Amino acid sequence: MALLRRRPLVAHGILLLAWIVALMQTRSGAIGGLEILLTDLAVGYIAVARERRLSVSVAVVTGVLQVLSVLVWLSADAMFHVTVLLAMAVTWMTGDSIRARRAHAEMLREQATAQAVAAERLRIARELHDMVAHSIGIIAIQAGVGGRVIDTQPVEARNALDAIEATSRDTLSGLRRMLTALRKDDTGAAPLGPAPGLADLDRLAAATRDAGVEVEVRKVGEPRPLPPDVDLSAYRIVQEAVTNVVRHAGTERCRVTVDYRGEELAVEIADDGRGGVVGTGYGIVGMRERVALLRGEFTAGPCPGGGFRVAARIPLPAAVA
């Protein structure tokens, strides 16, 4: 029985053979009953753990051997044989129904995860829409200014052209990295406010403090302008992780570290709360999807000494680095 979880077919064969030999030696009704009970339980476990075709074969072979052993060494009546077969059928059907329910639940989880990924991509698409709309607006204004002063104030016109070039490069860089991975449209209304970024972490920390959790924000390296999509995604990761601390960690403090490295941006959110395993919610899925779209690395899980840690590394374009 201890071997049943690791090697169910081998364990079931040993179990069935051992009890048939015991029944042959003792010719005891109690031994026959134990044989039927334990081998039926083993068949039920196999029906739960293995595919249906295999478990049906195991159940049929086991039922035939049970009936033959009882018939030869106990000389039971026909009704007892029918009871043995019915017990086997009921046990197998119970195990198979458990296997089917688990498979259905796993399919629902996969569908829910896929829907969460799609919803997260759609939300990113909305935010990307805001970024592009904002950039195009700046370009239009600067182009208008440059057109008006190009004859009278060439220096101002040159500044306007420089601003157009910088804005265009940033916007095209963000589009190139993200747009092909996102859904194309959304029937809902996109938010019209400016997209947040790492510069808004102090405001996020203040709001979280009002919710009962003190957020310590630490910046490593020299802060510098980031591509809008990287800046927004890093902020959203911090926001989601801090929200999870407020909801689930059961602690009054967490640490946010933003590390401006040479060729990448590293973000870490850690707390000393109750820890636990990575849940099946959509927050972790959304954060992982954001980092994957930017070709970065993402990890989330409990810390060895207690608490929970979320970390993301996002590569930066060569121009920014």
Protein backbone atom coordinates (compact mmCIF):
# COMPACT_ATOMS: atom_id res chain seq x y z
CA MET A 1 0.00 0.00 0.00
CA ALA A 2 2.92 2.38 0.69
CA LEU A 3 4.30 1.64 -2.78
CA LEU A 4 0.94 2.36 -4.40
CA ARG A 5 1.50 6.12 -4.80
CA ARG A 6 4.88 5.78 -6.53
CA ARG A 7 4.41 2.58 -8.57
CA PRO A 8 0.66 1.86 -8.61
CA LEU A 9 0.65 -0.98 -11.15
CA VAL A 10 3.53 -2.85 -9.52
CA ALA A 11 2.08 -2.32 -6.05
CA HIS A 12 -1.35 -3.50 -7.15
CA GLY A 13 0.11 -6.65 -8.71
CA ILE A 14 2.02 -7.48 -5.53
CA LEU A 15 -1.04 -6.77 -3.41
CA LEU A 16 -3.33 -8.93 -5.52
CA LEU A 17 -0.89 -11.84 -5.68
CA ALA A 18 -0.15 -11.73 -1.95
CA TRP A 19 -3.80 -11.84 -0.90
CA ILE A 20 -4.69 -14.58 -3.38
CA VAL A 21 -1.84 -16.71 -1.98
CA ALA A 22 -3.00 -15.91 1.57
CA LEU A 23 -6.54 -16.98 0.67
CA MET A 24 -5.22 -20.18 -0.94
CA GLN A 25 -3.29 -21.04 2.24
CA THR A 26 -5.94 -20.16 4.82
CA ARG A 27 -9.25 -20.61 2.96
CA SER A 28 -10.63 -18.02 5.38
CA GLY A 29 -13.62 -15.81 4.65
CA ALA A 30 -11.96 -12.92 6.55
CA ILE A 31 -8.89 -13.16 4.31
CA GLY A 32 -11.15 -13.20 1.26
CA GLY A 33 -12.93 -10.08 2.48
CA LEU A 34 -9.62 -8.28 3.08
CA GLU A 35 -8.43 -9.30 -0.39
CA ILE A 36 -11.52 -7.79 -1.99
CA LEU A 37 -11.40 -4.62 0.14
CA LEU A 38 -7.71 -3.79 -0.34
CA THR A 39 -7.50 -4.66 -4.03
CA ASP A 40 -10.68 -2.66 -4.69
CA LEU A 41 -9.09 0.35 -2.97
CA ALA A 42 -5.99 -0.08 -5.12
CA VAL A 43 -8.13 -0.20 -8.28
CA GLY A 44 -9.93 2.97 -7.16
CA TYR A 45 -6.60 4.76 -6.70
CA ILE A 46 -5.39 3.64 -10.13
CA ALA A 47 -8.66 4.92 -11.62
CA VAL A 48 -7.95 8.31 -10.04
CA ALA A 49 -4.28 8.50 -11.00
CA ARG A 50 -4.16 6.90 -14.48
CA GLU A 51 -6.01 7.19 -17.76
CA ARG A 52 -9.34 5.44 -18.22
CA ARG A 53 -8.21 2.78 -20.70
CA LEU A 54 -5.55 1.47 -18.29
CA SER A 55 -7.76 1.58 -15.21
CA VAL A 56 -10.55 -0.33 -16.99
CA SER A 57 -8.11 -3.12 -17.88
CA VAL A 58 -6.83 -3.28 -14.30
CA ALA A 59 -10.37 -3.37 -12.92
CA VAL A 60 -11.47 -6.18 -15.28
CA VAL A 61 -8.42 -8.36 -14.53
CA THR A 62 -8.76 -7.74 -10.79
CA GLY A 63 -12.48 -8.54 -10.77
CA VAL A 64 -11.93 -11.82 -12.66
CA LEU A 65 -9.14 -12.90 -10.28
CA GLN A 66 -11.24 -11.99 -7.25
CA VAL A 67 -14.18 -14.07 -8.46
CA LEU A 68 -11.96 -17.04 -9.40
CA SER A 69 -10.11 -17.05 -6.09
CA VAL A 70 -13.33 -16.85 -4.09
CA LEU A 71 -14.92 -19.52 -6.25
CA VAL A 72 -12.02 -21.96 -5.94
CA TRP A 73 -11.05 -21.58 -2.27
CA LEU A 74 -14.25 -20.39 -0.57
CA SER A 75 -16.97 -22.05 -2.66
CA ALA A 76 -19.21 -19.01 -2.24
CA ASP A 77 -22.65 -18.82 -3.84
CA ALA A 78 -23.50 -16.91 -7.01
CA MET A 79 -24.90 -13.89 -5.14
CA PHE A 80 -21.57 -13.37 -3.41
CA HIS A 81 -19.81 -13.40 -6.78
CA VAL A 82 -22.22 -10.77 -8.08
CA THR A 83 -21.54 -8.65 -4.97
CA VAL A 84 -17.80 -8.89 -5.59
CA LEU A 85 -18.20 -7.67 -9.17
CA LEU A 86 -20.57 -4.86 -8.14
CA ALA A 87 -18.14 -3.67 -5.47
CA MET A 88 -15.37 -3.58 -8.07
CA ALA A 89 -17.57 -1.64 -10.52
CA VAL A 90 -18.62 0.91 -7.90
CA THR A 91 -15.02 1.43 -6.75
CA TRP A 92 -13.77 1.94 -10.29
CA MET A 93 -16.58 4.35 -11.17
CA THR A 94 -15.90 6.40 -8.02
CA GLY A 95 -12.20 6.69 -8.83
CA ASP A 96 -12.87 7.50 -12.49
CA SER A 97 -15.36 10.22 -11.57
CA ILE A 98 -12.76 11.81 -9.26
CA ARG A 99 -10.21 11.72 -12.10
CA ALA A 100 -12.73 13.31 -14.49
CA ARG A 101 -13.55 16.09 -12.00
CA ARG A 102 -9.88 16.85 -11.48
CA ALA A 103 -9.27 16.97 -15.23
CA HIS A 104 -12.25 19.30 -15.65
CA ALA A 105 -11.03 21.56 -12.84
CA GLU A 106 -7.56 21.69 -14.41
CA MET A 107 -9.07 22.62 -17.76
CA LEU A 108 -11.07 25.41 -16.11
CA ARG A 109 -7.91 26.72 -14.42
CA GLU A 110 -6.07 26.75 -17.73
CA GLN A 111 -8.94 28.58 -19.39
CA ALA A 112 -9.06 31.10 -16.55
CA THR A 113 -5.30 31.67 -16.83
CA ALA A 114 -5.60 32.17 -20.59
CA GLN A 115 -8.43 34.66 -20.06
CA ALA A 116 -6.35 36.49 -17.45
CA VAL A 117 -3.43 36.74 -19.87
CA ALA A 118 -5.73 38.05 -22.60
CA ALA A 119 -7.29 40.59 -20.23
CA GLU A 120 -3.86 41.75 -19.09
CA ARG A 121 -2.69 42.18 -22.67
CA LEU A 122 -5.81 44.17 -23.42
CA ARG A 123 -5.16 46.44 -20.45
CA ILE A 124 -1.58 46.95 -21.62
CA ALA A 125 -2.93 47.76 -25.07
CA ARG A 126 -5.12 50.48 -23.56
CA GLU A 127 -2.15 51.93 -21.71
CA LEU A 128 -0.04 51.74 -24.84
CA HIS A 129 -2.81 53.59 -26.64
CA ASP A 130 -2.53 56.35 -24.05
CA MET A 131 1.23 56.52 -24.52
CA VAL A 132 0.98 56.74 -28.30
CA ALA A 133 -1.81 59.31 -28.17
CA HIS A 134 0.20 61.43 -25.75
CA SER A 135 3.32 61.21 -27.93
CA ILE A 136 1.46 62.06 -31.13
CA GLY A 137 -0.06 65.05 -29.39
CA ILE A 138 3.39 66.31 -28.40
CA ILE A 139 4.67 65.78 -31.93
CA ALA A 140 1.74 67.72 -33.40
CA ILE A 141 2.26 70.64 -31.02
CA GLN A 142 6.02 70.78 -31.62
CA ALA A 143 5.53 70.52 -35.38
CA GLY A 144 3.10 73.45 -35.26
CA VAL A 145 5.52 75.53 -33.21
CA GLY A 146 8.40 74.72 -35.53
CA GLY A 147 6.39 75.61 -38.60
CA ARG A 148 5.50 79.03 -37.18
CA VAL A 149 8.99 80.06 -36.05
CA ILE A 150 11.21 78.39 -38.62
CA ASP A 151 11.83 81.66 -40.47
CA THR A 152 12.07 84.04 -37.52
CA GLN A 153 13.50 81.86 -34.71
CA PRO A 154 15.54 79.01 -36.21
CA VAL A 155 16.89 77.96 -32.78
CA GLU A 156 13.37 77.39 -31.46
CA ALA A 157 12.48 75.52 -34.63
CA ARG A 158 15.54 73.29 -34.15
CA ASN A 159 14.51 72.58 -30.54
CA ALA A 160 11.05 71.63 -31.73
CA LEU A 161 12.50 69.23 -34.29
CA ASP A 162 14.75 67.68 -31.62
CA ALA A 163 11.73 67.13 -29.38
CA ILE A 164 9.82 65.53 -32.27
CA GLU A 165 12.74 63.21 -32.99
CA ALA A 166 13.15 62.12 -29.36
CA THR A 167 9.42 61.56 -28.86
CA SER A 168 9.14 59.63 -32.10
CA ARG A 169 12.05 57.36 -31.23
CA ASP A 170 10.66 56.55 -27.78
CA THR A 171 7.20 55.82 -29.16
CA LEU A 172 8.43 53.65 -32.01
CA SER A 173 10.68 51.73 -29.64
CA GLY A 174 7.75 50.95 -27.36
CA LEU A 175 5.56 49.94 -30.26
CA ARG A 176 8.22 47.68 -31.71
CA ARG A 177 8.65 45.79 -28.43
CA MET A 178 5.02 45.38 -27.46
CA LEU A 179 2.45 45.93 -30.17
CA THR A 180 2.85 42.64 -32.02
CA ALA A 181 2.14 40.74 -28.78
CA LEU A 182 -1.07 42.55 -27.94
CA ARG A 183 -4.67 42.33 -29.04
CA LYS A 184 -5.62 44.77 -31.75
CA ASP A 185 -8.75 46.41 -30.43
CA ASP A 186 -11.10 46.82 -27.52
CA THR A 187 -14.72 47.83 -27.50
CA GLY A 188 -14.38 49.40 -24.05
CA ALA A 189 -13.37 52.95 -23.41
CA ALA A 190 -9.70 53.53 -22.82
CA PRO A 191 -8.73 55.69 -19.83
CA LEU A 192 -7.70 59.18 -20.80
CA GLY A 193 -5.36 60.10 -17.94
CA PRO A 194 -1.56 60.09 -18.28
CA ALA A 195 0.09 56.74 -17.67
CA PRO A 196 1.82 56.42 -14.28
CA GLY A 197 5.48 55.53 -13.85
CA LEU A 198 8.19 54.96 -11.26
CA ALA A 199 8.14 58.67 -10.47
CA ASP A 200 4.73 58.04 -8.87
CA LEU A 201 6.01 55.47 -6.34
CA ASP A 202 5.96 57.99 -3.50
CA ARG A 203 2.28 58.64 -4.14
CA LEU A 204 1.66 54.88 -4.26
CA ALA A 205 3.51 54.46 -0.97
CA ALA A 206 1.39 57.19 0.63
CA ALA A 207 -1.82 55.53 -0.52
CA THR A 208 -0.60 52.16 0.78
CA ARG A 209 0.32 53.74 4.11
CA ASP A 210 -3.28 54.85 4.45
CA ALA A 211 -4.27 51.19 3.94
CA GLY A 212 -2.12 50.13 6.90
CA VAL A 213 1.15 49.03 5.25
CA GLU A 214 4.34 51.09 5.39
CA VAL A 215 6.20 50.94 2.06
CA GLU A 216 9.92 51.61 2.11
CA VAL A 217 11.04 52.74 -1.37
CA ARG A 218 14.75 52.38 -2.09
CA LYS A 219 16.41 53.40 -5.35
CA VAL A 220 19.79 52.00 -6.36
CA GLY A 221 21.89 53.51 -9.11
CA GLU A 222 21.26 56.76 -10.90
CA PRO A 223 17.58 57.32 -11.80
CA ARG A 224 17.16 58.25 -15.44
CA PRO A 225 14.34 58.50 -17.99
CA LEU A 226 13.03 55.13 -19.13
CA PRO A 227 11.02 54.10 -22.19
CA PRO A 228 7.32 54.70 -21.41
CA ASP A 229 6.38 51.02 -21.71
CA VAL A 230 9.16 49.93 -19.34
CA ASP A 231 8.36 52.70 -16.88
CA LEU A 232 4.66 51.87 -16.89
CA SER A 233 5.17 48.11 -16.59
CA ALA A 234 7.61 48.49 -13.69
CA TYR A 235 5.12 50.72 -11.89
CA ARG A 236 2.27 48.24 -12.47
CA ILE A 237 4.38 45.37 -11.13
CA VAL A 238 5.16 47.33 -7.96
CA GLN A 239 1.52 48.36 -7.63
CA GLU A 240 0.21 44.80 -7.96
CA ALA A 241 2.82 43.34 -5.62
CA VAL A 242 2.16 45.98 -2.95
CA THR A 243 -1.57 45.38 -3.30
CA ASN A 244 -0.97 41.67 -2.67
CA VAL A 245 0.99 42.58 0.47
CA VAL A 246 -1.94 44.63 1.75
CA ARG A 247 -4.43 41.87 0.99
CA HIS A 248 -2.61 38.67 1.86
CA ALA A 249 0.70 39.17 3.69
CA GLY A 250 -0.65 40.09 7.12
CA THR A 251 2.23 42.48 7.78
CA GLU A 252 2.63 46.21 8.33
CA ARG A 253 5.76 46.76 6.26
CA CYS A 254 7.24 45.93 2.86
CA ARG A 255 10.30 47.00 0.88
CA VAL A 256 10.42 48.16 -2.73
CA THR A 257 13.82 48.32 -4.42
CA VAL A 258 14.30 49.88 -7.86
CA ASP A 259 17.76 49.19 -9.26
CA TYR A 260 18.84 51.23 -12.30
CA ARG A 261 21.52 48.99 -13.77
CA GLY A 262 23.60 49.49 -16.88
CA GLU A 263 21.52 47.49 -19.33
CA GLU A 264 18.45 46.56 -17.33
CA LEU A 265 15.98 47.70 -14.72
CA ALA A 266 15.51 45.48 -11.66
CA VAL A 267 12.50 45.76 -9.38
CA GLU A 268 12.04 43.83 -6.13
CA ILE A 269 9.15 43.84 -3.66
CA ALA A 270 9.67 41.88 -0.43
CA ASP A 271 7.81 41.57 2.85
CA ASP A 272 8.17 39.63 6.10
CA GLY A 273 4.56 38.48 6.28
CA ARG A 274 3.02 35.05 6.40
CA GLY A 275 4.53 33.98 3.06
CA GLY A 276 2.76 31.02 1.53
CA VAL A 277 2.81 29.51 -1.94
CA VAL A 278 2.15 31.25 -5.24
CA GLY A 279 -1.62 31.32 -5.61
CA THR A 280 -3.84 30.78 -8.62
CA GLY A 281 -4.95 34.41 -8.78
CA TYR A 282 -4.46 36.61 -11.83
CA GLY A 283 -2.09 39.17 -10.26
CA ILE A 284 1.01 36.98 -10.58
CA VAL A 285 -0.10 35.95 -14.09
CA GLY A 286 -0.45 39.58 -15.13
CA MET A 287 2.94 40.59 -13.76
CA ARG A 288 4.65 37.64 -15.44
CA GLU A 289 2.93 38.49 -18.74
CA ARG A 290 4.08 42.12 -18.59
CA VAL A 291 7.69 41.11 -18.02
CA ALA A 292 7.53 38.45 -20.75
CA LEU A 293 6.29 41.01 -23.27
CA LEU A 294 9.37 43.11 -22.53
CA ARG A 295 11.65 40.04 -22.81
CA GLY A 296 12.55 40.16 -19.13
CA GLU A 297 12.73 37.68 -16.24
CA PHE A 298 10.17 37.35 -13.44
CA THR A 299 10.15 35.36 -10.20
CA ALA A 300 7.69 35.23 -7.31
CA GLY A 301 7.60 33.00 -4.28
CA PRO A 302 8.04 32.66 -0.51
CA CYS A 303 11.37 33.57 1.07
CA PRO A 304 13.33 30.90 3.00
CA GLY A 305 13.23 32.93 6.20
CA GLY A 306 9.59 33.90 5.87
CA GLY A 307 7.72 36.46 3.85
CA PHE A 308 7.20 36.76 0.11
CA ARG A 309 9.33 38.19 -2.70
CA VAL A 310 8.48 39.43 -6.20
CA ALA A 311 11.36 40.30 -8.53
CA ALA A 312 11.52 41.42 -12.15
CA ARG A 313 14.41 42.23 -14.47
CA ILE A 314 13.56 44.20 -17.60
CA PRO A 315 16.21 44.80 -20.28
CA LEU A 316 16.60 48.34 -21.52
CA PRO A 317 17.10 49.43 -25.12
CA ALA A 318 20.69 50.12 -26.09
CA ALA A 319 20.03 53.84 -26.50
CA VAL A 320 18.74 54.14 -22.93
CA ALA A 321 21.42 51.90 -21.48
